[in-house]
Amino acid sequence: MAQDLTITPPSAFGLAHFADLLPVRDPIVGEEPGSFEGFRSGLMASLVPATPYECVVAENLVSIEWELLQQQRMRDAGLRGAIRRSIREAVVEKMKAKHEADLDEAWDRHEAAGLPDEEFVETPFDREGAEDAGDALAARGMSRDPEEEASACEEVTALGMDPLEVMAAAYRTAGSPVTHHDAKLRELEVRRREVKRDFDGLQRARPVEATVIEG
């Protein structure tokens, strides 16, 4: 027969919630502003810890889940950076080739007109402008708008690049940043399973009459 679980309310310790015993988590640059609290509230509502110790373990699980998301975001940012560089280089090369072809045509016209060589003005290649154009194409290729993304992928294909191969090459060439985050993800997934197993064990051992602690 299940016995009542005596719950000492947080107010007995001068607290509004037992979670107040835990350190306040400060935001980190790069996270979506204000997103952690909503994330934490949602998970805690799902985990429904009923004792102070369950609260501590639940907070640990929330931290792991949050870090998993951030590691995924950082890994994906590394991939996007590698893709952006690849597309930028392709655009620069194409625009540079066109610039040189235009110069050759201009020189041929200059010669055909019988003008002195020293009067020929060679326009310098605008590398910065070409890099900006490449970055803009890469940004469109990673747009949340499906039509804009599809249009950009067609432009990437016109550069002689297979968009799928561009992504595959990013995995191969992004190097240590992506590899590092992948390793961290595997490590965190192991920790998540372990902590979740502990939390589930606490809940299974909880008497039926246990009262869920808010906060």
C-alpha atoms as a PDB file:
ATOM      1  CA  MET A   1       0.000   0.000   0.000  1.00  0.00           C
ATOM      2  CA  ALA A   2       1.448   3.382  -0.994  1.00  0.00           C
ATOM      3  CA  GLN A   3       2.279   5.799   1.776  1.00  0.00           C
ATOM      4  CA  ASP A   4       1.846   9.560   1.694  1.00  0.00           C
ATOM      5  CA  LEU A   5       4.943  11.488   0.708  1.00  0.00           C
ATOM      6  CA  THR A   6       5.423  14.395   3.069  1.00  0.00           C
ATOM      7  CA  ILE A   7       6.313  17.464   1.041  1.00  0.00           C
ATOM      8  CA  THR A   8       7.843  20.426   2.826  1.00  0.00           C
ATOM      9  CA  PRO A   9       6.724  23.518   0.907  1.00  0.00           C
ATOM     10  CA  PRO A  10       9.343  25.961  -0.412  1.00  0.00           C
ATOM     11  CA  SER A  11       7.855  28.685   1.787  1.00  0.00           C
ATOM     12  CA  ALA A  12       9.166  26.820   4.871  1.00  0.00           C
ATOM     13  CA  PHE A  13      12.643  27.797   3.688  1.00  0.00           C
ATOM     14  CA  GLY A  14      11.736  31.338   2.661  1.00  0.00           C
ATOM     15  CA  LEU A  15      11.585  30.367  -1.007  1.00  0.00           C
ATOM     16  CA  ALA A  16       8.935  30.855  -3.645  1.00  0.00           C
ATOM     17  CA  HIS A  17      10.144  27.735  -5.514  1.00  0.00           C
ATOM     18  CA  PHE A  18      12.726  25.062  -4.781  1.00  0.00           C
ATOM     19  CA  ALA A  19      14.319  26.003  -8.103  1.00  0.00           C
ATOM     20  CA  ASP A  20      15.420  29.215  -6.347  1.00  0.00           C
ATOM     21  CA  LEU A  21      18.053  27.101  -4.603  1.00  0.00           C
ATOM     22  CA  LEU A  22      19.809  26.626  -7.944  1.00  0.00           C
ATOM     23  CA  PRO A  23      22.180  29.185  -9.494  1.00  0.00           C
ATOM     24  CA  VAL A  24      20.565  31.633 -11.892  1.00  0.00           C
ATOM     25  CA  ARG A  25      21.649  30.904 -15.432  1.00  0.00           C
ATOM     26  CA  ASP A  26      22.988  33.983 -17.214  1.00  0.00           C
ATOM     27  CA  PRO A  27      22.475  34.339 -20.989  1.00  0.00           C
ATOM     28  CA  ILE A  28      25.357  33.616 -23.366  1.00  0.00           C
ATOM     29  CA  VAL A  29      26.033  35.669 -26.487  1.00  0.00           C
ATOM     30  CA  GLY A  30      24.862  33.714 -29.528  1.00  0.00           C
ATOM     31  CA  GLU A  31      21.778  32.209 -27.912  1.00  0.00           C
ATOM     32  CA  GLU A  32      18.363  33.376 -29.026  1.00  0.00           C
ATOM     33  CA  PRO A  33      17.559  36.181 -26.546  1.00  0.00           C
ATOM     34  CA  GLY A  34      15.026  35.130 -23.933  1.00  0.00           C
ATOM     35  CA  SER A  35      14.600  31.633 -25.352  1.00  0.00           C
ATOM     36  CA  PHE A  36      16.008  29.666 -22.425  1.00  0.00           C
ATOM     37  CA  GLU A  37      13.292  30.538 -19.913  1.00  0.00           C
ATOM     38  CA  GLY A  38      10.521  29.452 -22.261  1.00  0.00           C
ATOM     39  CA  PHE A  39      12.439  26.276 -23.065  1.00  0.00           C
ATOM     40  CA  ARG A  40      12.982  25.528 -19.373  1.00  0.00           C
ATOM     41  CA  SER A  41       9.364  26.212 -18.462  1.00  0.00           C
ATOM     42  CA  GLY A  42       8.120  23.876 -21.175  1.00  0.00           C
ATOM     43  CA  LEU A  43      10.392  21.015 -20.157  1.00  0.00           C
ATOM     44  CA  MET A  44       9.695  21.429 -16.445  1.00  0.00           C
ATOM     45  CA  ALA A  45       5.953  21.325 -17.192  1.00  0.00           C
ATOM     46  CA  SER A  46       6.587  18.034 -18.987  1.00  0.00           C
ATOM     47  CA  LEU A  47       8.916  16.535 -16.370  1.00  0.00           C
ATOM     48  CA  VAL A  48       6.715  17.607 -13.397  1.00  0.00           C
ATOM     49  CA  PRO A  49       9.243  17.078 -10.562  1.00  0.00           C
ATOM     50  CA  ALA A  50       7.567  16.428  -7.187  1.00  0.00           C
ATOM     51  CA  THR A  51      10.440  16.716  -4.675  1.00  0.00           C
ATOM     52  CA  PRO A  52      13.400  19.048  -4.221  1.00  0.00           C
ATOM     53  CA  TYR A  53      15.795  16.338  -5.404  1.00  0.00           C
ATOM     54  CA  GLU A  54      13.659  15.661  -8.469  1.00  0.00           C
ATOM     55  CA  CYS A  55      13.826  19.407  -9.146  1.00  0.00           C
ATOM     56  CA  VAL A  56      17.625  19.298  -9.072  1.00  0.00           C
ATOM     57  CA  VAL A  57      17.785  16.297 -11.419  1.00  0.00           C
ATOM     58  CA  ALA A  58      15.164  17.846 -13.705  1.00  0.00           C
ATOM     59  CA  GLU A  59      17.181  21.069 -13.896  1.00  0.00           C
ATOM     60  CA  ASN A  60      20.237  19.010 -14.825  1.00  0.00           C
ATOM     61  CA  LEU A  61      18.253  17.361 -17.595  1.00  0.00           C
ATOM     62  CA  VAL A  62      17.008  20.739 -18.825  1.00  0.00           C
ATOM     63  CA  SER A  63      20.619  21.989 -18.968  1.00  0.00           C
ATOM     64  CA  ILE A  64      21.706  18.991 -21.016  1.00  0.00           C
ATOM     65  CA  GLU A  65      18.805  19.328 -23.437  1.00  0.00           C
ATOM     66  CA  TRP A  66      19.559  23.027 -23.841  1.00  0.00           C
ATOM     67  CA  GLU A  67      23.241  22.394 -24.495  1.00  0.00           C
ATOM     68  CA  LEU A  68      22.300  19.754 -27.065  1.00  0.00           C
ATOM     69  CA  LEU A  69      20.309  22.370 -28.949  1.00  0.00           C
ATOM     70  CA  GLN A  70      23.128  24.922 -28.746  1.00  0.00           C
ATOM     71  CA  GLN A  71      25.734  22.404 -29.944  1.00  0.00           C
ATOM     72  CA  GLN A  72      23.486  21.569 -32.891  1.00  0.00           C
ATOM     73  CA  ARG A  73      23.134  25.277 -33.668  1.00  0.00           C
ATOM     74  CA  MET A  74      26.905  25.811 -33.504  1.00  0.00           C
ATOM     75  CA  ARG A  75      27.583  22.776 -35.695  1.00  0.00           C
ATOM     76  CA  ASP A  76      25.052  23.981 -38.260  1.00  0.00           C
ATOM     77  CA  ALA A  77      26.567  27.473 -38.151  1.00  0.00           C
ATOM     78  CA  GLY A  78      29.947  25.932 -38.956  1.00  0.00           C
ATOM     79  CA  LEU A  79      28.458  24.084 -41.913  1.00  0.00           C
ATOM     80  CA  ARG A  80      26.719  27.205 -43.174  1.00  0.00           C
ATOM     81  CA  GLY A  81      30.006  29.096 -42.918  1.00  0.00           C
ATOM     82  CA  ALA A  82      31.802  26.466 -45.015  1.00  0.00           C
ATOM     83  CA  ILE A  83      28.990  26.518 -47.600  1.00  0.00           C
ATOM     84  CA  ARG A  84      29.054  30.311 -47.716  1.00  0.00           C
ATOM     85  CA  ARG A  85      32.816  30.327 -48.349  1.00  0.00           C
ATOM     86  CA  SER A  86      32.490  27.732 -51.105  1.00  0.00           C
ATOM     87  CA  ILE A  87      29.749  29.666 -52.912  1.00  0.00           C
ATOM     88  CA  ARG A  88      31.591  32.958 -52.423  1.00  0.00           C
ATOM     89  CA  GLU A  89      34.747  31.532 -54.027  1.00  0.00           C
ATOM     90  CA  ALA A  90      32.758  30.171 -56.983  1.00  0.00           C
ATOM     91  CA  VAL A  91      31.066  33.525 -57.564  1.00  0.00           C
ATOM     92  CA  VAL A  92      34.368  35.377 -57.309  1.00  0.00           C
ATOM     93  CA  GLU A  93      35.986  33.047 -59.838  1.00  0.00           C
ATOM     94  CA  LYS A  94      33.094  33.400 -62.281  1.00  0.00           C
ATOM     95  CA  MET A  95      33.023  37.192 -61.984  1.00  0.00           C
ATOM     96  CA  LYS A  96      36.806  37.371 -62.265  1.00  0.00           C
ATOM     97  CA  ALA A  97      36.731  35.255 -65.438  1.00  0.00           C
ATOM     98  CA  LYS A  98      34.052  37.526 -66.915  1.00  0.00           C
ATOM     99  CA  HIS A  99      36.074  40.622 -65.941  1.00  0.00           C
ATOM    100  CA  GLU A 100      39.165  39.259 -67.705  1.00  0.00           C
ATOM    101  CA  ALA A 101      37.131  38.329 -70.793  1.00  0.00           C
ATOM    102  CA  ASP A 102      35.667  41.845 -70.884  1.00  0.00           C
ATOM    103  CA  LEU A 103      39.185  43.304 -70.621  1.00  0.00           C
ATOM    104  CA  ASP A 104      40.354  41.170 -73.532  1.00  0.00           C
ATOM    105  CA  GLU A 105      37.436  42.373 -75.658  1.00  0.00           C
ATOM    106  CA  ALA A 106      38.120  45.976 -74.677  1.00  0.00           C
ATOM    107  CA  TRP A 107      41.783  45.578 -75.613  1.00  0.00           C
ATOM    108  CA  ASP A 108      40.867  44.082 -78.980  1.00  0.00           C
ATOM    109  CA  ARG A 109      38.588  47.046 -79.679  1.00  0.00           C
ATOM    110  CA  HIS A 110      41.352  49.441 -78.573  1.00  0.00           C
ATOM    111  CA  GLU A 111      43.853  47.834 -80.927  1.00  0.00           C
ATOM    112  CA  ALA A 112      41.366  47.676 -83.788  1.00  0.00           C
ATOM    113  CA  ALA A 113      40.823  51.407 -83.396  1.00  0.00           C
ATOM    114  CA  GLY A 114      44.577  51.966 -83.772  1.00  0.00           C
ATOM    115  CA  LEU A 115      44.878  53.722 -80.420  1.00  0.00           C
ATOM    116  CA  PRO A 116      48.222  53.904 -78.538  1.00  0.00           C
ATOM    117  CA  ASP A 117      48.809  51.150 -75.984  1.00  0.00           C
ATOM    118  CA  GLU A 118      49.429  53.675 -73.198  1.00  0.00           C
ATOM    119  CA  GLU A 119      45.937  55.066 -73.615  1.00  0.00           C
ATOM    120  CA  PHE A 120      44.301  51.801 -72.725  1.00  0.00           C
ATOM    121  CA  VAL A 121      42.750  51.961 -69.242  1.00  0.00           C
ATOM    122  CA  GLU A 122      42.569  48.599 -67.469  1.00  0.00           C
ATOM    123  CA  THR A 123      39.708  48.553 -64.971  1.00  0.00           C
ATOM    124  CA  PRO A 124      40.692  46.673 -61.792  1.00  0.00           C
ATOM    125  CA  PHE A 125      38.674  43.674 -60.696  1.00  0.00           C
ATOM    126  CA  ASP A 126      36.249  44.481 -57.856  1.00  0.00           C
ATOM    127  CA  ARG A 127      36.968  41.516 -55.595  1.00  0.00           C
ATOM    128  CA  GLU A 128      35.106  42.996 -52.642  1.00  0.00           C
ATOM    129  CA  GLY A 129      31.991  43.454 -54.742  1.00  0.00           C
ATOM    130  CA  ALA A 130      32.292  39.886 -56.041  1.00  0.00           C
ATOM    131  CA  GLU A 131      32.637  38.532 -52.509  1.00  0.00           C
ATOM    132  CA  ASP A 132      29.557  40.490 -51.441  1.00  0.00           C
ATOM    133  CA  ALA A 133      27.630  39.007 -54.375  1.00  0.00           C
ATOM    134  CA  GLY A 134      28.777  35.522 -53.361  1.00  0.00           C
ATOM    135  CA  ASP A 135      27.708  36.057 -49.760  1.00  0.00           C
ATOM    136  CA  ALA A 136      24.330  37.349 -50.931  1.00  0.00           C
ATOM    137  CA  LEU A 137      23.789  34.250 -53.083  1.00  0.00           C
ATOM    138  CA  ALA A 138      24.774  31.978 -50.184  1.00  0.00           C
ATOM    139  CA  ALA A 139      22.353  33.845 -47.891  1.00  0.00           C
ATOM    140  CA  ARG A 140      19.522  33.340 -50.381  1.00  0.00           C
ATOM    141  CA  GLY A 141      20.453  29.674 -50.641  1.00  0.00           C
ATOM    142  CA  MET A 142      19.908  29.350 -46.897  1.00  0.00           C
ATOM    143  CA  SER A 143      16.751  31.451 -46.816  1.00  0.00           C
ATOM    144  CA  ARG A 144      13.681  30.353 -44.864  1.00  0.00           C
ATOM    145  CA  ASP A 145      11.651  31.215 -47.964  1.00  0.00           C
ATOM    146  CA  PRO A 146      11.454  27.994 -50.049  1.00  0.00           C
ATOM    147  CA  GLU A 147      11.035  29.888 -53.322  1.00  0.00           C
ATOM    148  CA  GLU A 148      14.024  32.119 -52.652  1.00  0.00           C
ATOM    149  CA  GLU A 149      16.081  29.096 -51.610  1.00  0.00           C
ATOM    150  CA  ALA A 150      15.105  27.183 -54.765  1.00  0.00           C
ATOM    151  CA  SER A 151      15.980  30.163 -56.976  1.00  0.00           C
ATOM    152  CA  ALA A 152      19.394  30.493 -55.310  1.00  0.00           C
ATOM    153  CA  CYS A 153      20.066  26.765 -55.734  1.00  0.00           C
ATOM    154  CA  GLU A 154      19.419  27.182 -59.472  1.00  0.00           C
ATOM    155  CA  GLU A 155      22.019  29.955 -59.537  1.00  0.00           C
ATOM    156  CA  VAL A 156      24.470  27.748 -57.657  1.00  0.00           C
ATOM    157  CA  THR A 157      23.879  25.007 -60.231  1.00  0.00           C
ATOM    158  CA  ALA A 158      24.518  27.551 -63.004  1.00  0.00           C
ATOM    159  CA  LEU A 159      27.937  28.124 -61.441  1.00  0.00           C
ATOM    160  CA  GLY A 160      28.711  24.475 -62.188  1.00  0.00           C
ATOM    161  CA  MET A 161      28.160  23.316 -58.610  1.00  0.00           C
ATOM    162  CA  ASP A 162      25.829  20.590 -57.387  1.00  0.00           C
ATOM    163  CA  PRO A 163      24.059  21.999 -54.268  1.00  0.00           C
ATOM    164  CA  LEU A 164      24.094  18.555 -52.628  1.00  0.00           C
ATOM    165  CA  GLU A 165      27.812  18.232 -53.279  1.00  0.00           C
ATOM    166  CA  VAL A 166      28.333  21.727 -51.863  1.00  0.00           C
ATOM    167  CA  MET A 167      26.722  20.562 -48.617  1.00  0.00           C
ATOM    168  CA  ALA A 168      28.677  17.297 -48.628  1.00  0.00           C
ATOM    169  CA  ALA A 169      31.919  19.172 -49.218  1.00  0.00           C
ATOM    170  CA  ALA A 170      31.088  21.433 -46.280  1.00  0.00           C
ATOM    171  CA  TYR A 171      30.912  18.386 -44.003  1.00  0.00           C
ATOM    172  CA  ARG A 172      34.292  17.249 -45.292  1.00  0.00           C
ATOM    173  CA  THR A 173      36.064  20.592 -45.254  1.00  0.00           C
ATOM    174  CA  ALA A 174      34.538  22.390 -42.263  1.00  0.00           C
ATOM    175  CA  GLY A 175      37.063  20.439 -40.221  1.00  0.00           C
ATOM    176  CA  SER A 176      37.505  20.592 -36.486  1.00  0.00           C
ATOM    177  CA  PRO A 177      34.562  22.905 -35.595  1.00  0.00           C
ATOM    178  CA  VAL A 178      31.955  20.495 -36.979  1.00  0.00           C
ATOM    179  CA  THR A 179      33.867  17.457 -35.730  1.00  0.00           C
ATOM    180  CA  HIS A 180      34.126  19.024 -32.273  1.00  0.00           C
ATOM    181  CA  HIS A 181      30.393  19.717 -32.040  1.00  0.00           C
ATOM    182  CA  ASP A 182      29.499  16.254 -33.333  1.00  0.00           C
ATOM    183  CA  ALA A 183      31.651  14.730 -30.588  1.00  0.00           C
ATOM    184  CA  LYS A 184      30.014  16.949 -27.973  1.00  0.00           C
ATOM    185  CA  LEU A 185      26.566  15.933 -29.225  1.00  0.00           C
ATOM    186  CA  ARG A 186      27.391  12.248 -28.804  1.00  0.00           C
ATOM    187  CA  GLU A 187      28.724  12.907 -25.311  1.00  0.00           C
ATOM    188  CA  LEU A 188      25.650  14.910 -24.324  1.00  0.00           C
ATOM    189  CA  GLU A 189      23.282  12.273 -25.687  1.00  0.00           C
ATOM    190  CA  VAL A 190      24.922   9.690 -23.401  1.00  0.00           C
ATOM    191  CA  ARG A 191      24.577  12.041 -20.428  1.00  0.00           C
ATOM    192  CA  ARG A 192      20.951  12.744 -21.322  1.00  0.00           C
ATOM    193  CA  ARG A 193      20.079   9.051 -21.312  1.00  0.00           C
ATOM    194  CA  GLU A 194      21.828   8.559 -17.969  1.00  0.00           C
ATOM    195  CA  VAL A 195      20.171  11.541 -16.261  1.00  0.00           C
ATOM    196  CA  LYS A 196      16.773  10.698 -17.740  1.00  0.00           C
ATOM    197  CA  ARG A 197      17.135   7.143 -16.453  1.00  0.00           C
ATOM    198  CA  ASP A 198      17.884   8.492 -12.973  1.00  0.00           C
ATOM    199  CA  PHE A 199      14.925  10.870 -13.141  1.00  0.00           C
ATOM    200  CA  ASP A 200      12.568   8.122 -14.324  1.00  0.00           C
ATOM    201  CA  GLY A 201      13.810   5.947 -11.444  1.00  0.00           C
ATOM    202  CA  LEU A 202      12.975   8.686  -8.956  1.00  0.00           C
ATOM    203  CA  GLN A 203       9.499   9.025 -10.403  1.00  0.00           C
ATOM    204  CA  ARG A 204       8.895   5.271 -10.328  1.00  0.00           C
ATOM    205  CA  ALA A 205       9.914   5.180  -6.659  1.00  0.00           C
ATOM    206  CA  ARG A 206       7.610   8.081  -5.862  1.00  0.00           C
ATOM    207  CA  PRO A 207       4.547   7.176  -3.726  1.00  0.00           C
ATOM    208  CA  VAL A 208       1.278   7.530  -5.589  1.00  0.00           C
ATOM    209  CA  GLU A 209       0.152  10.379  -3.365  1.00  0.00           C
ATOM    210  CA  ALA A 210       3.155  12.557  -4.149  1.00  0.00           C
ATOM    211  CA  THR A 211       2.310  16.149  -4.986  1.00  0.00           C
ATOM    212  CA  VAL A 212       3.951  17.871  -7.905  1.00  0.00           C
ATOM    213  CA  ILE A 213       6.112  20.841  -6.936  1.00  0.00           C
ATOM    214  CA  GLU A 214       5.491  23.960  -8.947  1.00  0.00           C
ATOM    215  CA  GLY A 215       8.649  25.706 -10.114  1.00  0.00           C
END
